[in-house]
Amino acid sequence: MTTNGSLINSKNAKEIAQLVDDIRISIEGSKQVHNNVRGENSFQKAVNGAFLLRKYSSKLSLQMVVSKKSYTSMKNLIDLAQK
């Protein structure tokens, strides 16, 4: 499953993790780039969703579409993934 993470909450994270084998959250790199591409506060929603899902699933990964806007912030995503 690929999601932007914005609708993941404490109520549905456990159920999603039990139903889905492989969960991916798309993050566009840095907070600034992500919010610019996806809308205000979308970065924090994605990060919150990722941390909630990680509590219940070991098969969580972050992914990024590399574009002119995002390629310079790839390190931000790597740093976030290591948290």
Protein backbone atom coordinates (compact mmCIF):
# COMPACT_ATOMS: atom_id res chain seq x y z
CA MET A 1 0.00 0.00 0.00
CA THR A 2 1.22 3.48 -0.83
CA THR A 3 -0.23 6.43 1.04
CA ASN A 4 0.54 10.07 1.69
CA GLY A 5 -0.01 9.29 5.38
CA SER A 6 -2.39 12.17 6.00
CA LEU A 7 -5.33 10.03 7.12
CA ILE A 8 -3.37 7.64 9.34
CA ASN A 9 -4.36 8.03 12.98
CA SER A 10 -4.05 6.10 16.24
CA LYS A 11 -7.38 4.38 15.56
CA ASN A 12 -6.63 2.99 12.10
CA ALA A 13 -2.84 2.49 12.17
CA LYS A 14 -2.95 -0.90 13.90
CA GLU A 15 -5.71 -2.20 11.63
CA ILE A 16 -3.89 -1.05 8.48
CA ALA A 17 -0.65 -2.67 9.65
CA GLN A 18 -2.46 -5.97 10.26
CA LEU A 19 -4.14 -5.95 6.84
CA VAL A 20 -1.28 -4.77 4.64
CA ASP A 21 2.08 -6.51 4.21
CA ASP A 22 4.05 -3.60 2.74
CA ILE A 23 3.30 0.02 3.61
CA ARG A 24 4.97 2.99 1.89
CA ILE A 25 4.56 6.63 2.72
CA SER A 26 5.47 9.17 0.08
CA ILE A 27 7.46 12.13 1.36
CA GLU A 28 8.97 14.70 -0.98
CA GLY A 29 12.14 15.34 1.02
CA SER A 30 12.38 18.34 3.32
CA LYS A 31 9.41 19.83 5.13
CA GLN A 32 9.53 22.94 2.96
CA VAL A 33 9.63 21.01 -0.33
CA HIS A 34 6.96 18.54 0.76
CA ASN A 35 4.56 21.27 1.87
CA ASN A 36 5.25 23.22 -1.31
CA VAL A 37 4.37 20.19 -3.46
CA ARG A 38 1.54 18.67 -1.37
CA GLY A 39 0.07 21.53 0.65
CA GLU A 40 0.42 23.25 3.99
CA ASN A 41 0.93 20.93 7.00
CA SER A 42 1.08 17.85 4.77
CA PHE A 43 4.65 17.04 5.84
CA GLN A 44 3.73 16.81 9.52
CA LYS A 45 0.69 14.66 8.71
CA ALA A 46 2.86 12.28 6.67
CA VAL A 47 5.50 12.05 9.39
CA ASN A 48 2.87 11.49 12.08
CA GLY A 49 1.31 8.74 9.96
CA ALA A 50 4.70 7.10 9.46
CA PHE A 51 5.49 7.05 13.18
CA LEU A 52 2.06 5.64 14.02
CA LEU A 53 2.37 2.88 11.45
CA ARG A 54 5.89 2.05 12.53
CA LYS A 55 4.57 1.10 15.96
CA TYR A 56 2.67 -1.79 14.36
CA SER A 57 4.55 -2.71 11.21
CA SER A 58 8.15 -3.59 10.42
CA LYS A 59 7.41 -3.33 6.69
CA LEU A 60 7.15 0.46 6.53
CA SER A 61 9.21 2.41 4.05
CA LEU A 62 9.40 5.99 2.90
CA GLN A 63 9.50 6.82 -0.77
CA MET A 64 10.13 9.94 -2.78
CA VAL A 65 9.42 11.06 -6.31
CA VAL A 66 12.63 12.72 -7.45
CA SER A 67 11.86 15.92 -9.31
CA LYS A 68 13.40 19.32 -9.98
CA LYS A 69 11.77 20.55 -6.77
CA SER A 70 12.78 17.65 -4.57
CA TYR A 71 16.12 16.21 -5.68
CA THR A 72 18.14 18.60 -3.50
CA SER A 73 16.36 17.41 -0.36
CA MET A 74 16.93 13.66 -0.75
CA LYS A 75 19.22 13.67 2.28
CA ASN A 76 16.35 15.00 4.40
CA LEU A 77 14.31 11.89 3.57
CA ILE A 78 17.25 9.60 4.36
CA ASP A 79 17.74 11.33 7.72
CA LEU A 80 14.03 11.02 8.49
CA ALA A 81 14.01 7.33 7.59
CA GLN A 82 16.82 6.67 10.06
CA LYS A 83 14.81 8.07 13.00
